[in-house]
Amino acid sequence: MVAFQDLDPMDLQKLLQEGDDNLVLVDVRTPAEVARGAIPGAQSIPLHLLPLNAASLDKAQPVVFYCQSGARSAQACQYLRQQGHDKLYNLRGGIIAWARNGLPIAPIDERTR
């Protein structure tokens, strides 16, 4: 069984534009990385703190993780899969791929916490 699905930046943008209120977008980068900007609407849960915050993520909601390049977010997906989540997505290429596609990055004061 596949632990999670990869999304490319345009697929994620489409999901965000559709306004699915159940979709949870989680940035697993460090606070210093997040301070440079984040995908609008994302909440920040650094990867090393995910075990402490996993219970705050509803198993019934789809969760999209992203990081700088897609490696740490894939780890986050694998971890939550082990915790019983089954609606997990990884942003392939991370925020780097997101930015390369010309998609918006919000300053830290405009993102959701």
N, C-alpha and C. Protein backbone atom coordinates (compact mmCIF):
# COMPACT_ATOMS: atom_id res chain seq x y z
N MET A 1 0.84 -1.18 0.00
CA MET A 1 0.00 0.00 0.00
C MET A 1 0.89 1.25 0.00
N VAL A 2 0.52 2.21 -0.81
CA VAL A 2 1.26 3.46 -0.89
C VAL A 2 0.95 4.29 0.35
N ALA A 3 1.97 4.83 0.97
CA ALA A 3 1.79 5.60 2.20
C ALA A 3 1.18 6.98 1.95
N PHE A 4 1.42 7.53 0.75
CA PHE A 4 0.92 8.86 0.43
C PHE A 4 0.99 9.07 -1.07
N GLN A 5 0.39 10.16 -1.51
CA GLN A 5 0.40 10.52 -2.92
C GLN A 5 1.20 11.80 -3.11
N ASP A 6 1.97 11.86 -4.18
CA ASP A 6 2.67 13.10 -4.53
C ASP A 6 1.73 14.00 -5.33
N LEU A 7 1.81 15.29 -5.05
CA LEU A 7 1.10 16.29 -5.85
C LEU A 7 2.13 17.21 -6.47
N ASP A 8 1.92 17.59 -7.71
CA ASP A 8 2.81 18.61 -8.26
C ASP A 8 2.20 19.97 -7.88
N PRO A 9 2.98 21.04 -7.99
CA PRO A 9 2.50 22.36 -7.56
C PRO A 9 1.19 22.79 -8.20
N MET A 10 1.01 22.51 -9.48
CA MET A 10 -0.22 22.93 -10.15
C MET A 10 -1.44 22.16 -9.64
N ASP A 11 -1.25 20.88 -9.29
CA ASP A 11 -2.34 20.09 -8.71
C ASP A 11 -2.74 20.68 -7.35
N LEU A 12 -1.74 21.04 -6.54
CA LEU A 12 -2.04 21.63 -5.24
C LEU A 12 -2.73 22.97 -5.41
N GLN A 13 -2.26 23.79 -6.32
CA GLN A 13 -2.89 25.09 -6.57
C GLN A 13 -4.36 24.91 -6.94
N LYS A 14 -4.64 23.92 -7.77
CA LYS A 14 -6.02 23.65 -8.17
C LYS A 14 -6.87 23.28 -6.95
N LEU A 15 -6.35 22.41 -6.10
CA LEU A 15 -7.08 22.03 -4.89
C LEU A 15 -7.34 23.23 -3.99
N LEU A 16 -6.35 24.09 -3.84
CA LEU A 16 -6.51 25.28 -3.00
C LEU A 16 -7.52 26.25 -3.59
N GLN A 17 -7.52 26.39 -4.91
CA GLN A 17 -8.47 27.28 -5.57
C GLN A 17 -9.90 26.75 -5.47
N GLU A 18 -10.04 25.44 -5.45
CA GLU A 18 -11.37 24.84 -5.32
C GLU A 18 -11.95 25.10 -3.94
N GLY A 19 -11.09 25.49 -3.00
CA GLY A 19 -11.55 25.88 -1.67
C GLY A 19 -12.07 24.75 -0.81
N ASP A 20 -11.48 23.58 -0.90
CA ASP A 20 -11.88 22.46 -0.06
C ASP A 20 -11.55 22.81 1.40
N ASP A 21 -12.59 23.07 2.19
CA ASP A 21 -12.39 23.47 3.58
C ASP A 21 -11.78 22.37 4.43
N ASN A 22 -11.86 21.13 3.96
CA ASN A 22 -11.30 20.02 4.72
C ASN A 22 -9.79 19.87 4.53
N LEU A 23 -9.25 20.44 3.46
CA LEU A 23 -7.83 20.28 3.14
C LEU A 23 -6.98 21.03 4.16
N VAL A 24 -6.00 20.35 4.72
CA VAL A 24 -5.07 20.95 5.67
C VAL A 24 -3.70 21.01 5.00
N LEU A 25 -3.11 22.19 4.96
CA LEU A 25 -1.79 22.40 4.36
C LEU A 25 -0.79 22.66 5.47
N VAL A 26 0.25 21.82 5.55
CA VAL A 26 1.21 21.89 6.64
C VAL A 26 2.62 22.06 6.10
N ASP A 27 3.29 23.09 6.59
CA ASP A 27 4.68 23.38 6.27
C ASP A 27 5.54 22.77 7.37
N VAL A 28 6.42 21.82 7.01
CA VAL A 28 7.24 21.14 8.01
C VAL A 28 8.67 21.68 8.09
N ARG A 29 8.90 22.85 7.47
CA ARG A 29 10.24 23.45 7.53
C ARG A 29 10.49 24.08 8.91
N THR A 30 11.71 24.45 9.14
CA THR A 30 12.08 25.09 10.40
C THR A 30 11.49 26.51 10.45
N PRO A 31 11.37 27.09 11.64
CA PRO A 31 10.88 28.46 11.74
C PRO A 31 11.71 29.45 10.93
N ALA A 32 13.01 29.26 10.86
CA ALA A 32 13.86 30.16 10.07
C ALA A 32 13.53 30.06 8.59
N GLU A 33 13.25 28.88 8.10
CA GLU A 33 12.86 28.71 6.69
C GLU A 33 11.49 29.33 6.43
N VAL A 34 10.56 29.10 7.33
CA VAL A 34 9.21 29.62 7.18
C VAL A 34 9.23 31.15 7.19
N ALA A 35 10.14 31.73 7.93
CA ALA A 35 10.24 33.19 8.02
C ALA A 35 10.52 33.83 6.67
N ARG A 36 11.06 33.07 5.74
CA ARG A 36 11.32 33.59 4.39
C ARG A 36 10.08 33.61 3.52
N GLY A 37 9.00 33.00 4.01
CA GLY A 37 7.74 32.96 3.27
C GLY A 37 7.19 31.55 3.22
N ALA A 38 5.88 31.48 3.03
CA ALA A 38 5.19 30.19 3.03
C ALA A 38 4.05 30.23 2.01
N ILE A 39 3.51 29.07 1.72
CA ILE A 39 2.35 28.99 0.85
C ILE A 39 1.16 29.55 1.64
N PRO A 40 0.42 30.48 1.05
CA PRO A 40 -0.72 31.06 1.77
C PRO A 40 -1.68 29.99 2.29
N GLY A 41 -2.08 30.16 3.55
CA GLY A 41 -3.02 29.23 4.17
C GLY A 41 -2.38 28.07 4.91
N ALA A 42 -1.05 27.95 4.83
CA ALA A 42 -0.37 26.83 5.48
C ALA A 42 -0.21 27.08 6.97
N GLN A 43 -0.25 26.00 7.72
CA GLN A 43 0.12 26.07 9.12
C GLN A 43 1.52 25.49 9.26
N SER A 44 2.24 25.94 10.25
CA SER A 44 3.62 25.50 10.44
C SER A 44 3.70 24.48 11.58
N ILE A 45 4.21 23.30 11.23
CA ILE A 45 4.55 22.28 12.23
C ILE A 45 5.91 21.73 11.81
N PRO A 46 7.00 22.24 12.39
CA PRO A 46 8.32 21.73 12.02
C PRO A 46 8.37 20.21 12.16
N LEU A 47 9.06 19.55 11.24
CA LEU A 47 9.10 18.09 11.22
C LEU A 47 9.47 17.50 12.57
N HIS A 48 10.44 18.08 13.25
CA HIS A 48 10.87 17.50 14.53
C HIS A 48 9.80 17.62 15.62
N LEU A 49 8.79 18.46 15.40
CA LEU A 49 7.70 18.60 16.37
C LEU A 49 6.43 17.86 15.95
N LEU A 50 6.46 17.22 14.80
CA LEU A 50 5.28 16.52 14.31
C LEU A 50 4.78 15.45 15.28
N PRO A 51 5.65 14.64 15.89
CA PRO A 51 5.13 13.65 16.84
C PRO A 51 4.34 14.27 18.00
N LEU A 52 4.72 15.47 18.40
CA LEU A 52 4.01 16.15 19.49
C LEU A 52 2.69 16.77 19.03
N ASN A 53 2.55 17.00 17.73
CA ASN A 53 1.38 17.69 17.18
C ASN A 53 0.50 16.81 16.30
N ALA A 54 0.86 15.56 16.13
CA ALA A 54 0.12 14.68 15.22
C ALA A 54 -1.35 14.55 15.62
N ALA A 55 -1.63 14.54 16.90
CA ALA A 55 -3.02 14.38 17.36
C ALA A 55 -3.90 15.57 16.97
N SER A 56 -3.28 16.71 16.66
CA SER A 56 -4.07 17.88 16.27
C SER A 56 -4.55 17.79 14.82
N LEU A 57 -4.04 16.83 14.06
CA LEU A 57 -4.44 16.65 12.66
C LEU A 57 -5.51 15.57 12.58
N ASP A 58 -6.68 15.95 12.13
CA ASP A 58 -7.83 15.06 12.04
C ASP A 58 -7.60 13.99 10.97
N LYS A 59 -7.76 12.74 11.36
CA LYS A 59 -7.55 11.63 10.43
C LYS A 59 -8.56 11.62 9.28
N ALA A 60 -9.68 12.29 9.45
CA ALA A 60 -10.70 12.33 8.40
C ALA A 60 -10.41 13.39 7.34
N GLN A 61 -9.49 14.30 7.62
CA GLN A 61 -9.18 15.38 6.69
C GLN A 61 -7.95 15.06 5.86
N PRO A 62 -7.97 15.43 4.57
CA PRO A 62 -6.76 15.27 3.76
C PRO A 62 -5.70 16.28 4.22
N VAL A 63 -4.46 15.81 4.31
CA VAL A 63 -3.36 16.66 4.75
C VAL A 63 -2.29 16.69 3.66
N VAL A 64 -1.90 17.90 3.27
CA VAL A 64 -0.81 18.09 2.30
C VAL A 64 0.37 18.66 3.07
N PHE A 65 1.49 17.95 3.01
CA PHE A 65 2.73 18.42 3.64
C PHE A 65 3.65 18.98 2.58
N TYR A 66 4.41 20.00 2.97
CA TYR A 66 5.47 20.48 2.09
C TYR A 66 6.64 20.96 2.93
N CYS A 67 7.80 21.00 2.28
CA CYS A 67 9.03 21.50 2.90
C CYS A 67 9.79 22.26 1.83
N GLN A 68 11.09 22.30 1.93
CA GLN A 68 11.89 23.03 0.94
C GLN A 68 11.91 22.30 -0.40
N SER A 69 12.18 20.98 -0.36
CA SER A 69 12.36 20.23 -1.60
C SER A 69 11.45 19.00 -1.75
N GLY A 70 10.76 18.62 -0.69
CA GLY A 70 9.88 17.46 -0.76
C GLY A 70 10.35 16.26 0.05
N ALA A 71 11.57 16.28 0.55
CA ALA A 71 12.11 15.13 1.29
C ALA A 71 11.54 15.05 2.71
N ARG A 72 11.59 16.14 3.45
CA ARG A 72 11.07 16.13 4.82
C ARG A 72 9.56 15.94 4.84
N SER A 73 8.88 16.52 3.87
CA SER A 73 7.43 16.35 3.83
C SER A 73 7.05 14.90 3.52
N ALA A 74 7.87 14.21 2.73
CA ALA A 74 7.64 12.79 2.49
C ALA A 74 7.80 12.00 3.80
N GLN A 75 8.77 12.39 4.62
CA GLN A 75 8.95 11.75 5.93
C GLN A 75 7.73 12.00 6.81
N ALA A 76 7.19 13.22 6.75
CA ALA A 76 5.99 13.55 7.53
C ALA A 76 4.82 12.67 7.10
N CYS A 77 4.66 12.49 5.80
CA CYS A 77 3.61 11.62 5.29
C CYS A 77 3.78 10.19 5.80
N GLN A 78 4.99 9.68 5.74
CA GLN A 78 5.25 8.32 6.19
C GLN A 78 4.95 8.18 7.68
N TYR A 79 5.34 9.17 8.46
CA TYR A 79 5.09 9.12 9.90
C TYR A 79 3.59 9.10 10.18
N LEU A 80 2.84 10.01 9.57
CA LEU A 80 1.40 10.06 9.85
C LEU A 80 0.68 8.82 9.33
N ARG A 81 1.19 8.23 8.27
CA ARG A 81 0.61 6.98 7.78
C ARG A 81 0.72 5.91 8.86
N GLN A 82 1.85 5.87 9.54
CA GLN A 82 2.05 4.92 10.64
C GLN A 82 1.11 5.20 11.81
N GLN A 83 0.64 6.44 11.90
CA GLN A 83 -0.28 6.84 12.97
C GLN A 83 -1.75 6.63 12.58
N GLY A 84 -1.99 6.09 11.39
CA GLY A 84 -3.34 5.75 10.98
C GLY A 84 -4.01 6.72 10.03
N HIS A 85 -3.29 7.73 9.58
CA HIS A 85 -3.85 8.65 8.58
C HIS A 85 -3.76 8.01 7.21
N ASP A 86 -4.77 8.23 6.37
CA ASP A 86 -4.71 7.64 5.04
C ASP A 86 -4.98 8.64 3.91
N LYS A 87 -5.20 9.91 4.24
CA LYS A 87 -5.42 10.94 3.21
C LYS A 87 -4.24 11.90 3.24
N LEU A 88 -3.09 11.41 2.79
CA LEU A 88 -1.84 12.16 2.90
C LEU A 88 -1.26 12.47 1.53
N TYR A 89 -0.77 13.69 1.41
CA TYR A 89 -0.19 14.16 0.15
C TYR A 89 1.11 14.89 0.42
N ASN A 90 2.04 14.74 -0.50
CA ASN A 90 3.34 15.39 -0.43
C ASN A 90 3.50 16.30 -1.64
N LEU A 91 3.88 17.55 -1.39
CA LEU A 91 4.13 18.47 -2.50
C LEU A 91 5.48 18.12 -3.11
N ARG A 92 5.45 17.50 -4.29
CA ARG A 92 6.66 17.10 -4.99
C ARG A 92 7.51 18.33 -5.32
N GLY A 93 8.75 18.33 -4.90
CA GLY A 93 9.65 19.45 -5.16
C GLY A 93 9.55 20.57 -4.15
N GLY A 94 8.61 20.46 -3.21
CA GLY A 94 8.49 21.42 -2.12
C GLY A 94 8.19 22.84 -2.57
N ILE A 95 8.51 23.78 -1.69
CA ILE A 95 8.23 25.18 -1.97
C ILE A 95 9.12 25.70 -3.11
N ILE A 96 10.25 25.03 -3.35
CA ILE A 96 11.10 25.42 -4.48
C ILE A 96 10.33 25.22 -5.78
N ALA A 97 9.70 24.05 -5.94
CA ALA A 97 8.92 23.79 -7.15
C ALA A 97 7.71 24.72 -7.22
N TRP A 98 7.10 24.98 -6.08
CA TRP A 98 5.95 25.89 -6.02
C TRP A 98 6.35 27.26 -6.58
N ALA A 99 7.47 27.80 -6.09
CA ALA A 99 7.94 29.12 -6.53
C ALA A 99 8.36 29.10 -8.01
N ARG A 100 8.99 28.02 -8.44
CA ARG A 100 9.41 27.91 -9.86
C ARG A 100 8.23 27.93 -10.81
N ASN A 101 7.06 27.54 -10.31
CA ASN A 101 5.85 27.56 -11.13
C ASN A 101 5.14 28.91 -11.03
N GLY A 102 5.76 29.87 -10.36
CA GLY A 102 5.20 31.21 -10.28
C GLY A 102 4.02 31.33 -9.35
N LEU A 103 3.88 30.39 -8.43
CA LEU A 103 2.75 30.40 -7.51
C LEU A 103 3.07 31.26 -6.28
N PRO A 104 2.03 31.77 -5.59
CA PRO A 104 2.25 32.76 -4.54
C PRO A 104 2.92 32.23 -3.28
N ILE A 105 3.77 33.07 -2.75
CA ILE A 105 4.40 32.82 -1.45
C ILE A 105 4.09 34.04 -0.59
N ALA A 106 3.49 33.79 0.57
CA ALA A 106 3.08 34.88 1.45
C ALA A 106 4.18 35.18 2.46
N PRO A 107 4.37 36.44 2.77
CA PRO A 107 5.27 36.80 3.87
C PRO A 107 4.73 36.17 5.16
N ILE A 108 5.59 36.03 6.13
CA ILE A 108 5.19 35.35 7.37
C ILE A 108 3.98 35.96 8.04
N ASP A 109 3.79 37.27 7.95
CA ASP A 109 2.66 37.89 8.64
C ASP A 109 1.32 37.67 7.93
N GLU A 110 1.34 37.10 6.75
CA GLU A 110 0.10 36.86 6.01
C GLU A 110 -0.33 35.40 6.01
N ARG A 111 0.44 34.52 6.59
CA ARG A 111 0.07 33.12 6.56
C ARG A 111 -0.70 32.74 7.82
N THR A 112 -1.39 31.64 7.75
CA THR A 112 -2.15 31.14 8.89
C THR A 112 -1.21 30.42 9.83
N ARG A 113 -1.43 30.60 11.11
CA ARG A 113 -0.62 29.88 12.11
C ARG A 113 -1.40 28.76 12.69
